[in-house]
PDB file of N, CA and C in Angstrom:
ATOM      1  N   MET A   1      13.070   6.278  -8.601  1.00  0.00           N
ATOM      2  CA  MET A   1      12.196   5.252  -8.089  1.00  0.00           C
ATOM      3  C   MET A   1      11.986   5.420  -6.589  1.00  0.00           C
ATOM      4  N   GLU A   2      13.071   5.664  -5.848  1.00  0.00           N
ATOM      5  CA  GLU A   2      12.939   5.853  -4.409  1.00  0.00           C
ATOM      6  C   GLU A   2      12.161   7.128  -4.091  1.00  0.00           C
ATOM      7  N   SER A   3      12.321   8.128  -4.940  1.00  0.00           N
ATOM      8  CA  SER A   3      11.638   9.397  -4.706  1.00  0.00           C
ATOM      9  C   SER A   3      10.117   9.214  -4.725  1.00  0.00           C
ATOM     10  N   LYS A   4       9.631   8.422  -5.650  1.00  0.00           N
ATOM     11  CA  LYS A   4       8.181   8.195  -5.730  1.00  0.00           C
ATOM     12  C   LYS A   4       7.668   7.485  -4.479  1.00  0.00           C
ATOM     13  N   GLY A   5       8.406   6.481  -4.023  1.00  0.00           N
ATOM     14  CA  GLY A   5       7.998   5.762  -2.819  1.00  0.00           C
ATOM     15  C   GLY A   5       8.044   6.649  -1.594  1.00  0.00           C
ATOM     16  N   HIS A   6       9.089   7.481  -1.513  1.00  0.00           N
ATOM     17  CA  HIS A   6       9.227   8.405  -0.376  1.00  0.00           C
ATOM     18  C   HIS A   6       8.101   9.436  -0.383  1.00  0.00           C
ATOM     19  N   ASP A   7       7.788   9.982  -1.569  1.00  0.00           N
ATOM     20  CA  ASP A   7       6.697  10.948  -1.678  1.00  0.00           C
ATOM     21  C   ASP A   7       5.363  10.319  -1.283  1.00  0.00           C
ATOM     22  N   ARG A   8       5.159   9.059  -1.703  1.00  0.00           N
ATOM     23  CA  ARG A   8       3.930   8.359  -1.356  1.00  0.00           C
ATOM     24  C   ARG A   8       3.837   8.159   0.155  1.00  0.00           C
ATOM     25  N   ASP A   9       4.943   7.774   0.789  1.00  0.00           N
ATOM     26  CA  ASP A   9       4.946   7.588   2.244  1.00  0.00           C
ATOM     27  C   ASP A   9       4.646   8.891   2.962  1.00  0.00           C
ATOM     28  N   LEU A  10       5.219   9.999   2.477  1.00  0.00           N
ATOM     29  CA  LEU A  10       4.951  11.304   3.091  1.00  0.00           C
ATOM     30  C   LEU A  10       3.487  11.695   2.929  1.00  0.00           C
ATOM     31  N   ARG A  11       2.923  11.411   1.759  1.00  0.00           N
ATOM     32  CA  ARG A  11       1.515  11.746   1.517  1.00  0.00           C
ATOM     33  C   ARG A  11       0.607  10.946   2.452  1.00  0.00           C
ATOM     34  N   ILE A  12       0.887   9.657   2.608  1.00  0.00           N
ATOM     35  CA  ILE A  12       0.081   8.811   3.491  1.00  0.00           C
ATOM     36  C   ILE A  12       0.200   9.287   4.939  1.00  0.00           C
ATOM     37  N   ALA A  13       1.417   9.629   5.363  1.00  0.00           N
ATOM     38  CA  ALA A  13       1.611  10.130   6.728  1.00  0.00           C
ATOM     39  C   ALA A  13       0.851  11.431   6.936  1.00  0.00           C
ATOM     40  N   GLY A  14       0.874  12.312   5.931  1.00  0.00           N
ATOM     41  CA  GLY A  14       0.133  13.573   6.024  1.00  0.00           C
ATOM     42  C   GLY A  14      -1.360  13.352   6.109  1.00  0.00           C
ATOM     43  N   GLU A  15      -1.865  12.380   5.345  1.00  0.00           N
ATOM     44  CA  GLU A  15      -3.300  12.081   5.389  1.00  0.00           C
ATOM     45  C   GLU A  15      -3.702  11.525   6.754  1.00  0.00           C
ATOM     46  N   LYS A  16      -2.856  10.672   7.327  1.00  0.00           N
ATOM     47  CA  LYS A  16      -3.161  10.124   8.650  1.00  0.00           C
ATOM     48  C   LYS A  16      -3.163  11.225   9.704  1.00  0.00           C
ATOM     49  N   ARG A  17      -2.200  12.148   9.621  1.00  0.00           N
ATOM     50  CA  ARG A  17      -2.149  13.242  10.587  1.00  0.00           C
ATOM     51  C   ARG A  17      -3.373  14.140  10.428  1.00  0.00           C
ATOM     52  N   HIS A  18      -3.751  14.414   9.171  1.00  0.00           N
ATOM     53  CA  HIS A  18      -4.914  15.255   8.907  1.00  0.00           C
ATOM     54  C   HIS A  18      -6.177  14.599   9.469  1.00  0.00           C
ATOM     55  N   PHE A  19      -6.312  13.273   9.315  1.00  0.00           N
ATOM     56  CA  PHE A  19      -7.457  12.552   9.869  1.00  0.00           C
ATOM     57  C   PHE A  19      -7.457  12.651  11.393  1.00  0.00           C
ATOM     58  N   GLY A  20      -6.284  12.532  12.014  1.00  0.00           N
ATOM     59  CA  GLY A  20      -6.196  12.637  13.468  1.00  0.00           C
ATOM     60  C   GLY A  20      -6.622  14.007  13.968  1.00  0.00           C
ATOM     61  N   GLU A  21      -6.233  15.059  13.232  1.00  0.00           N
ATOM     62  CA  GLU A  21      -6.632  16.413  13.619  1.00  0.00           C
ATOM     63  C   GLU A  21      -8.142  16.568  13.541  1.00  0.00           C
ATOM     64  N   LYS A  22      -8.720  16.101  12.441  1.00  0.00           N
ATOM     65  CA  LYS A  22     -10.172  16.215  12.288  1.00  0.00           C
ATOM     66  C   LYS A  22     -10.893  15.398  13.360  1.00  0.00           C
ATOM     67  N   PHE A  23     -10.358  14.222  13.668  1.00  0.00           N
ATOM     68  CA  PHE A  23     -10.991  13.372  14.675  1.00  0.00           C
ATOM     69  C   PHE A  23     -11.023  14.061  16.032  1.00  0.00           C
ATOM     70  N   LEU A  24      -9.895  14.675  16.448  1.00  0.00           N
ATOM     71  CA  LEU A  24      -9.863  15.335  17.754  1.00  0.00           C
ATOM     72  C   LEU A  24     -10.769  16.561  17.783  1.00  0.00           C
ATOM     73  N   LEU A  25     -10.815  17.311  16.682  1.00  0.00           N
ATOM     74  CA  LEU A  25     -11.722  18.459  16.631  1.00  0.00           C
ATOM     75  C   LEU A  25     -13.177  17.999  16.731  1.00  0.00           C
ATOM     76  N   CYS A  26     -13.508  16.928  16.023  1.00  0.00           N
ATOM     77  CA  CYS A  26     -14.877  16.405  16.093  1.00  0.00           C
ATOM     78  C   CYS A  26     -15.186  15.862  17.484  1.00  0.00           C
ATOM     79  N   LEU A  27     -14.220  15.204  18.093  1.00  0.00           N
ATOM     80  CA  LEU A  27     -14.430  14.665  19.439  1.00  0.00           C
ATOM     81  C   LEU A  27     -14.687  15.799  20.431  1.00  0.00           C
ATOM     82  N   GLY A  28     -13.929  16.884  20.313  1.00  0.00           N
ATOM     83  CA  GLY A  28     -14.170  18.041  21.179  1.00  0.00           C
ATOM     84  C   GLY A  28     -15.556  18.624  20.977  1.00  0.00           C
ATOM     85  N   GLY A  29     -15.970  18.715  19.717  1.00  0.00           N
ATOM     86  CA  GLY A  29     -17.309  19.224  19.422  1.00  0.00           C
ATOM     87  C   GLY A  29     -18.402  18.322  19.952  1.00  0.00           C
ATOM     88  N   VAL A  30     -18.195  17.016  19.841  1.00  0.00           N
ATOM     89  CA  VAL A  30     -19.186  16.063  20.342  1.00  0.00           C
ATOM     90  C   VAL A  30     -19.308  16.176  21.860  1.00  0.00           C
ATOM     91  N   ILE A  31     -18.183  16.337  22.546  1.00  0.00           N
ATOM     92  CA  ILE A  31     -18.233  16.461  24.006  1.00  0.00           C
ATOM     93  C   ILE A  31     -18.954  17.745  24.410  1.00  0.00           C
ATOM     94  N   CYS A  32     -18.705  18.839  23.684  1.00  0.00           N
ATOM     95  CA  CYS A  32     -19.422  20.083  23.984  1.00  0.00           C
ATOM     96  C   CYS A  32     -20.921  19.915  23.726  1.00  0.00           C
ATOM     97  N   CYS A  33     -21.271  19.219  22.650  1.00  0.00           N
ATOM     98  CA  CYS A  33     -22.694  18.969  22.387  1.00  0.00           C
ATOM     99  C   CYS A  33     -23.302  18.066  23.451  1.00  0.00           C
ATOM    100  N   LEU A  34     -22.529  17.114  23.938  1.00  0.00           N
ATOM    101  CA  LEU A  34     -23.008  16.236  25.003  1.00  0.00           C
ATOM    102  C   LEU A  34     -23.362  17.056  26.244  1.00  0.00           C
ATOM    103  N   ALA A  35     -22.581  18.086  26.514  1.00  0.00           N
ATOM    104  CA  ALA A  35     -22.900  18.949  27.655  1.00  0.00           C
ATOM    105  C   ALA A  35     -24.253  19.615  27.451  1.00  0.00           C
ATOM    106  N   GLY A  36     -24.538  20.032  26.225  1.00  0.00           N
ATOM    107  CA  GLY A  36     -25.838  20.625  25.930  1.00  0.00           C
ATOM    108  C   GLY A  36     -26.973  19.635  26.090  1.00  0.00           C
ATOM    109  N   VAL A  37     -26.735  18.401  25.650  1.00  0.00           N
ATOM    110  CA  VAL A  37     -27.760  17.362  25.786  1.00  0.00           C
ATOM    111  C   VAL A  37     -28.025  17.072  27.259  1.00  0.00           C
ATOM    112  N   VAL A  38     -26.951  16.989  28.022  1.00  0.00           N
ATOM    113  CA  VAL A  38     -27.123  16.749  29.464  1.00  0.00           C
ATOM    114  C   VAL A  38     -27.917  17.887  30.080  1.00  0.00           C
ATOM    115  N   ALA A  39     -27.628  19.108  29.665  1.00  0.00           N
ATOM    116  CA  ALA A  39     -28.331  20.264  30.229  1.00  0.00           C
ATOM    117  C   ALA A  39     -29.810  20.245  29.852  1.00  0.00           C
ATOM    118  N   MET A  40     -30.107  19.954  28.588  1.00  0.00           N
ATOM    119  CA  MET A  40     -31.498  20.051  28.142  1.00  0.00           C
ATOM    120  C   MET A  40     -32.348  18.848  28.533  1.00  0.00           C
ATOM    121  N   ILE A  41     -31.813  17.652  28.333  1.00  0.00           N
ATOM    122  CA  ILE A  41     -32.630  16.458  28.516  1.00  0.00           C
ATOM    123  C   ILE A  41     -32.470  15.857  29.907  1.00  0.00           C
ATOM    124  N   GLU A  42     -31.235  15.693  30.326  1.00  0.00           N
ATOM    125  CA  GLU A  42     -31.001  14.986  31.577  1.00  0.00           C
ATOM    126  C   GLU A  42     -30.920  15.915  32.784  1.00  0.00           C
ATOM    127  N   GLY A  43     -30.814  17.199  32.556  1.00  0.00           N
ATOM    128  CA  GLY A  43     -30.642  18.126  33.667  1.00  0.00           C
ATOM    129  C   GLY A  43     -31.797  18.141  34.643  1.00  0.00           C
ATOM    130  N   ILE A  44     -33.015  18.178  34.129  1.00  0.00           N
ATOM    131  CA  ILE A  44     -34.184  18.260  35.007  1.00  0.00           C
ATOM    132  C   ILE A  44     -34.413  16.954  35.775  1.00  0.00           C
ATOM    133  N   PRO A  45     -34.394  15.786  35.090  1.00  0.00           N
ATOM    134  CA  PRO A  45     -34.552  14.544  35.879  1.00  0.00           C
ATOM    135  C   PRO A  45     -33.412  14.325  36.875  1.00  0.00           C
ATOM    136  N   LEU A  46     -32.191  14.657  36.461  1.00  0.00           N
ATOM    137  CA  LEU A  46     -31.055  14.508  37.369  1.00  0.00           C
ATOM    138  C   LEU A  46     -31.213  15.424  38.572  1.00  0.00           C
ATOM    139  N   PHE A  47     -31.692  16.647  38.328  1.00  0.00           N
ATOM    140  CA  PHE A  47     -31.923  17.580  39.425  1.00  0.00           C
ATOM    141  C   PHE A  47     -32.926  17.005  40.418  1.00  0.00           C
ATOM    142  N   PHE A  48     -34.050  16.490  39.905  1.00  0.00           N
ATOM    143  CA  PHE A  48     -35.074  15.951  40.814  1.00  0.00           C
ATOM    144  C   PHE A  48     -34.604  14.683  41.512  1.00  0.00           C
ATOM    145  N   PHE A  49     -33.811  13.857  40.806  1.00  0.00           N
ATOM    146  CA  PHE A  49     -33.272  12.655  41.441  1.00  0.00           C
ATOM    147  C   PHE A  49     -32.349  13.036  42.597  1.00  0.00           C
ATOM    148  N   LEU A  50     -31.437  13.962  42.342  1.00  0.00           N
ATOM    149  CA  LEU A  50     -30.515  14.384  43.395  1.00  0.00           C
ATOM    150  C   LEU A  50     -31.273  15.069  44.531  1.00  0.00           C
ATOM    151  N   PHE A  51     -32.257  15.896  44.173  1.00  0.00           N
ATOM    152  CA  PHE A  51     -33.008  16.655  45.165  1.00  0.00           C
ATOM    153  C   PHE A  51     -33.826  15.732  46.070  1.00  0.00           C
ATOM    154  N   THR A  52     -34.413  14.694  45.487  1.00  0.00           N
ATOM    155  CA  THR A  52     -35.280  13.816  46.281  1.00  0.00           C
ATOM    156  C   THR A  52     -34.510  12.747  47.043  1.00  0.00           C
ATOM    157  N   THR A  53     -33.256  12.497  46.687  1.00  0.00           N
ATOM    158  CA  THR A  53     -32.530  11.418  47.365  1.00  0.00           C
ATOM    159  C   THR A  53     -31.714  11.914  48.546  1.00  0.00           C
ATOM    160  N   PHE A  54     -30.715  12.733  48.301  1.00  0.00           N
ATOM    161  CA  PHE A  54     -29.803  13.027  49.425  1.00  0.00           C
ATOM    162  C   PHE A  54     -29.240  14.447  49.436  1.00  0.00           C
ATOM    163  N   THR A  55     -29.722  15.324  48.605  1.00  0.00           N
ATOM    164  CA  THR A  55     -29.199  16.693  48.611  1.00  0.00           C
ATOM    165  C   THR A  55     -30.333  17.707  48.675  1.00  0.00           C
ATOM    166  N   THR A  56     -29.946  18.928  48.952  1.00  0.00           N
ATOM    167  CA  THR A  56     -30.923  20.013  48.903  1.00  0.00           C
ATOM    168  C   THR A  56     -31.006  20.513  47.471  1.00  0.00           C
ATOM    169  N   TRP A  57     -31.928  21.430  47.201  1.00  0.00           N
ATOM    170  CA  TRP A  57     -32.111  21.913  45.826  1.00  0.00           C
ATOM    171  C   TRP A  57     -30.888  22.655  45.319  1.00  0.00           C
ATOM    172  N   TRP A  58     -30.241  23.445  46.190  1.00  0.00           N
ATOM    173  CA  TRP A  58     -29.083  24.218  45.711  1.00  0.00           C
ATOM    174  C   TRP A  58     -27.867  23.318  45.513  1.00  0.00           C
ATOM    175  N   GLN A  59     -27.735  22.249  46.302  1.00  0.00           N
ATOM    176  CA  GLN A  59     -26.648  21.299  46.075  1.00  0.00           C
ATOM    177  C   GLN A  59     -26.862  20.544  44.763  1.00  0.00           C
ATOM    178  N   SER A  60     -28.098  20.194  44.468  1.00  0.00           N
ATOM    179  CA  SER A  60     -28.411  19.530  43.204  1.00  0.00           C
ATOM    180  C   SER A  60     -28.062  20.416  42.019  1.00  0.00           C
ATOM    181  N   ALA A  61     -28.435  21.687  42.126  1.00  0.00           N
ATOM    182  CA  ALA A  61     -28.129  22.629  41.038  1.00  0.00           C
ATOM    183  C   ALA A  61     -26.622  22.786  40.864  1.00  0.00           C
ATOM    184  N   LEU A  62     -25.879  22.876  41.952  1.00  0.00           N
ATOM    185  CA  LEU A  62     -24.423  23.009  41.860  1.00  0.00           C
ATOM    186  C   LEU A  62     -23.771  21.783  41.216  1.00  0.00           C
ATOM    187  N   ILE A  63     -24.255  20.593  41.562  1.00  0.00           N
ATOM    188  CA  ILE A  63     -23.713  19.371  40.972  1.00  0.00           C
ATOM    189  C   ILE A  63     -23.914  19.386  39.458  1.00  0.00           C
ATOM    190  N   ILE A  64     -25.107  19.753  39.012  1.00  0.00           N
ATOM    191  CA  ILE A  64     -25.400  19.786  37.577  1.00  0.00           C
ATOM    192  C   ILE A  64     -24.571  20.865  36.884  1.00  0.00           C
ATOM    193  N   ILE A  65     -24.448  22.037  37.499  1.00  0.00           N
ATOM    194  CA  ILE A  65     -23.649  23.112  36.899  1.00  0.00           C
ATOM    195  C   ILE A  65     -22.196  22.689  36.759  1.00  0.00           C
ATOM    196  N   PHE A  66     -21.634  22.061  37.777  1.00  0.00           N
ATOM    197  CA  PHE A  66     -20.243  21.625  37.685  1.00  0.00           C
ATOM    198  C   PHE A  66     -20.064  20.506  36.657  1.00  0.00           C
ATOM    199  N   LEU A  67     -21.046  19.632  36.521  1.00  0.00           N
ATOM    200  CA  LEU A  67     -21.001  18.597  35.488  1.00  0.00           C
ATOM    201  C   LEU A  67     -20.972  19.241  34.106  1.00  0.00           C
ATOM    202  N   GLU A  68     -21.824  20.242  33.892  1.00  0.00           N
ATOM    203  CA  GLU A  68     -21.861  20.948  32.607  1.00  0.00           C
ATOM    204  C   GLU A  68     -20.532  21.651  32.319  1.00  0.00           C
ATOM    205  N   LEU A  69     -20.023  22.352  33.306  1.00  0.00           N
ATOM    206  CA  LEU A  69     -18.753  23.058  33.118  1.00  0.00           C
ATOM    207  C   LEU A  69     -17.614  22.091  32.817  1.00  0.00           C
ATOM    208  N   TYR A  70     -17.637  20.948  33.461  1.00  0.00           N
ATOM    209  CA  TYR A  70     -16.608  19.943  33.217  1.00  0.00           C
ATOM    210  C   TYR A  70     -16.664  19.446  31.774  1.00  0.00           C
ATOM    211  N   LEU A  71     -17.874  19.101  31.297  1.00  0.00           N
ATOM    212  CA  LEU A  71     -18.004  18.592  29.930  1.00  0.00           C
ATOM    213  C   LEU A  71     -17.627  19.651  28.891  1.00  0.00           C
ATOM    214  N   VAL A  72     -18.096  20.870  29.087  1.00  0.00           N
ATOM    215  CA  VAL A  72     -17.746  21.944  28.150  1.00  0.00           C
ATOM    216  C   VAL A  72     -16.244  22.218  28.197  1.00  0.00           C
ATOM    217  N   GLY A  73     -15.670  22.176  29.386  1.00  0.00           N
ATOM    218  CA  GLY A  73     -14.238  22.418  29.517  1.00  0.00           C
ATOM    219  C   GLY A  73     -13.397  21.363  28.825  1.00  0.00           C
ATOM    220  N   VAL A  74     -13.757  20.103  28.980  1.00  0.00           N
ATOM    221  CA  VAL A  74     -13.006  19.022  28.331  1.00  0.00           C
ATOM    222  C   VAL A  74     -13.115  19.138  26.810  1.00  0.00           C
ATOM    223  N   GLY A  75     -14.318  19.345  26.305  1.00  0.00           N
ATOM    224  CA  GLY A  75     -14.492  19.498  24.852  1.00  0.00           C
ATOM    225  C   GLY A  75     -13.768  20.716  24.315  1.00  0.00           C
ATOM    226  N   GLY A  76     -13.860  21.811  25.036  1.00  0.00           N
ATOM    227  CA  GLY A  76     -13.175  23.036  24.609  1.00  0.00           C
ATOM    228  C   GLY A  76     -11.666  22.888  24.621  1.00  0.00           C
ATOM    229  N   LEU A  77     -11.135  22.197  25.617  1.00  0.00           N
ATOM    230  CA  LEU A  77      -9.684  21.981  25.661  1.00  0.00           C
ATOM    231  C   LEU A  77      -9.205  21.108  24.510  1.00  0.00           C
ATOM    232  N   LEU A  78      -9.984  20.107  24.132  1.00  0.00           N
ATOM    233  CA  LEU A  78      -9.619  19.286  22.979  1.00  0.00           C
ATOM    234  C   LEU A  78      -9.564  20.124  21.705  1.00  0.00           C
ATOM    235  N   ILE A  79     -10.578  20.955  21.506  1.00  0.00           N
ATOM    236  CA  ILE A  79     -10.616  21.798  20.306  1.00  0.00           C
ATOM    237  C   ILE A  79      -9.474  22.801  20.329  1.00  0.00           C
ATOM    238  N   LEU A  80      -9.281  23.480  21.449  1.00  0.00           N
ATOM    239  CA  LEU A  80      -8.219  24.474  21.564  1.00  0.00           C
ATOM    240  C   LEU A  80      -6.846  23.843  21.388  1.00  0.00           C
ATOM    241  N   GLY A  81      -6.636  22.700  22.020  1.00  0.00           N
ATOM    242  CA  GLY A  81      -5.344  22.025  21.907  1.00  0.00           C
ATOM    243  C   GLY A  81      -5.034  21.614  20.489  1.00  0.00           C
ATOM    244  N   GLU A  82      -6.023  21.126  19.767  1.00  0.00           N
ATOM    245  CA  GLU A  82      -5.776  20.693  18.388  1.00  0.00           C
ATOM    246  C   GLU A  82      -5.521  21.889  17.485  1.00  0.00           C
ATOM    247  N   CYS A  83      -6.235  22.994  17.696  1.00  0.00           N
ATOM    248  CA  CYS A  83      -5.986  24.202  16.892  1.00  0.00           C
ATOM    249  C   CYS A  83      -4.584  24.748  17.156  1.00  0.00           C
ATOM    250  N   CYS A  84      -4.159  24.754  18.414  1.00  0.00           N
ATOM    251  CA  CYS A  84      -2.813  25.233  18.751  1.00  0.00           C
ATOM    252  C   CYS A  84      -1.751  24.302  18.154  1.00  0.00           C
ATOM    253  N   HIS A  85      -2.001  23.002  18.188  1.00  0.00           N
ATOM    254  CA  HIS A  85      -1.063  22.035  17.628  1.00  0.00           C
ATOM    255  C   HIS A  85      -0.899  22.264  16.130  1.00  0.00           C
ATOM    256  N   LYS A  86      -1.999  22.533  15.440  1.00  0.00           N
ATOM    257  CA  LYS A  86      -1.955  22.786  13.997  1.00  0.00           C
ATOM    258  C   LYS A  86      -1.159  24.055  13.705  1.00  0.00           C
ATOM    259  N   LYS A  87      -1.365  25.109  14.489  1.00  0.00           N
ATOM    260  CA  LYS A  87      -0.650  26.365  14.277  1.00  0.00           C
ATOM    261  C   LYS A  87       0.841  26.180  14.569  1.00  0.00           C
ATOM    262  N   LEU A  88       1.194  25.418  15.593  1.00  0.00           N
ATOM    263  CA  LEU A  88       2.603  25.149  15.883  1.00  0.00           C
ATOM    264  C   LEU A  88       3.279  24.399  14.741  1.00  0.00           C
ATOM    265  N   ASP A  89       2.560  23.454  14.140  1.00  0.00           N
ATOM    266  CA  ASP A  89       3.110  22.751  12.986  1.00  0.00           C
ATOM    267  C   ASP A  89       3.394  23.710  11.837  1.00  0.00           C
ATOM    268  N   GLU A  90       2.486  24.655  11.610  1.00  0.00           N
ATOM    269  CA  GLU A  90       2.705  25.644  10.543  1.00  0.00           C
ATOM    270  C   GLU A  90       3.932  26.498  10.842  1.00  0.00           C
ATOM    271  N   TRP A  91       4.121  26.899  12.089  1.00  0.00           N
ATOM    272  CA  TRP A  91       5.281  27.718  12.447  1.00  0.00           C
ATOM    273  C   TRP A  91       6.579  26.930  12.307  1.00  0.00           C
ATOM    274  N   ARG A  92       6.548  25.651  12.678  1.00  0.00           N
ATOM    275  CA  ARG A  92       7.750  24.823  12.528  1.00  0.00           C
ATOM    276  C   ARG A  92       8.132  24.667  11.062  1.00  0.00           C
ATOM    277  N   GLU A  93       7.127  24.475  10.210  1.00  0.00           N
ATOM    278  CA  GLU A  93       7.402  24.369   8.785  1.00  0.00           C
ATOM    279  C   GLU A  93       7.984  25.674   8.254  1.00  0.00           C
ATOM    280  N   ALA A  94       7.489  26.799   8.766  1.00  0.00           N
ATOM    281  CA  ALA A  94       8.007  28.089   8.331  1.00  0.00           C
ATOM    282  C   ALA A  94       9.455  28.275   8.786  1.00  0.00           C
ATOM    283  N   GLU A  95       9.782  27.811   9.981  1.00  0.00           N
ATOM    284  CA  GLU A  95      11.153  27.908  10.473  1.00  0.00           C
ATOM    285  C   GLU A  95      12.114  27.091   9.627  1.00  0.00           C
ATOM    286  N   ARG A  96      11.654  25.968   9.123  1.00  0.00           N
ATOM    287  CA  ARG A  96      12.501  25.130   8.286  1.00  0.00           C
ATOM    288  C   ARG A  96      12.620  25.691   6.875  1.00  0.00           C
ATOM    289  N   GLY A  97      11.899  26.741   6.591  1.00  0.00           N
ATOM    290  CA  GLY A  97      11.957  27.346   5.277  1.00  0.00           C
ATOM    291  C   GLY A  97      10.913  26.839   4.311  1.00  0.00           C
ATOM    292  N   GLU A  98      10.020  25.985   4.795  1.00  0.00           N
ATOM    293  CA  GLU A  98       8.953  25.474   3.951  1.00  0.00           C
ATOM    294  C   GLU A  98       7.747  26.394   4.067  1.00  0.00           C
ATOM    295  N   ARG A  99       7.130  26.657   2.970  1.00  0.00           N
ATOM    296  CA  ARG A  99       5.895  27.433   2.906  1.00  0.00           C
ATOM    297  C   ARG A  99       6.025  28.830   3.514  1.00  0.00           C
ATOM    298  N   VAL A 100       7.181  29.427   3.464  1.00  0.00           N
ATOM    299  CA  VAL A 100       7.358  30.766   4.043  1.00  0.00           C
ATOM    300  C   VAL A 100       6.510  31.776   3.290  1.00  0.00           C
ATOM    301  N   ASP A 101       6.451  31.651   1.990  1.00  0.00           N
ATOM    302  CA  ASP A 101       5.668  32.589   1.200  1.00  0.00           C
ATOM    303  C   ASP A 101       4.175  32.485   1.525  1.00  0.00           C
ATOM    304  N   GLU A 102       3.681  31.281   1.794  1.00  0.00           N
ATOM    305  CA  GLU A 102       2.258  31.116   2.093  1.00  0.00           C
ATOM    306  C   GLU A 102       1.887  31.733   3.443  1.00  0.00           C
ATOM    307  N   LEU A 103       2.754  31.582   4.436  1.00  0.00           N
ATOM    308  CA  LEU A 103       2.419  32.038   5.777  1.00  0.00           C
ATOM    309  C   LEU A 103       2.518  33.551   5.938  1.00  0.00           C
ATOM    310  N   PHE A 104       3.449  34.162   5.240  1.00  0.00           N
ATOM    311  CA  PHE A 104       3.691  35.585   5.466  1.00  0.00           C
ATOM    312  C   PHE A 104       3.281  36.474   4.296  1.00  0.00           C
ATOM    313  N   SER A 105       2.490  35.955   3.386  1.00  0.00           N
ATOM    314  CA  SER A 105       2.072  36.791   2.260  1.00  0.00           C
ATOM    315  C   SER A 105       0.716  37.396   2.493  1.00  0.00           C
TER     316      SER A 105
END
């Protein structure tokens, strides 16, 4: 009786962790896509706004480029971090003797 409850708790915990992994991967992808949207749609108006208010044309371009790099970097780090976290979990399970045949076959 306890075994069934314990197995159910483990399954629910695994599903929650799996959802968290997918959520972070999707969030990273959304942030990278946001960088593309900023580049395509908002880049030109932002450039002209910055250029006409208080900066030169090359300063405006640098601000937009750094904004793009920042957004792509944050999204990429989320994706990379979640992929590395997933691989570390697989290695830990292998060290404990679980799923050794699956990982090294």
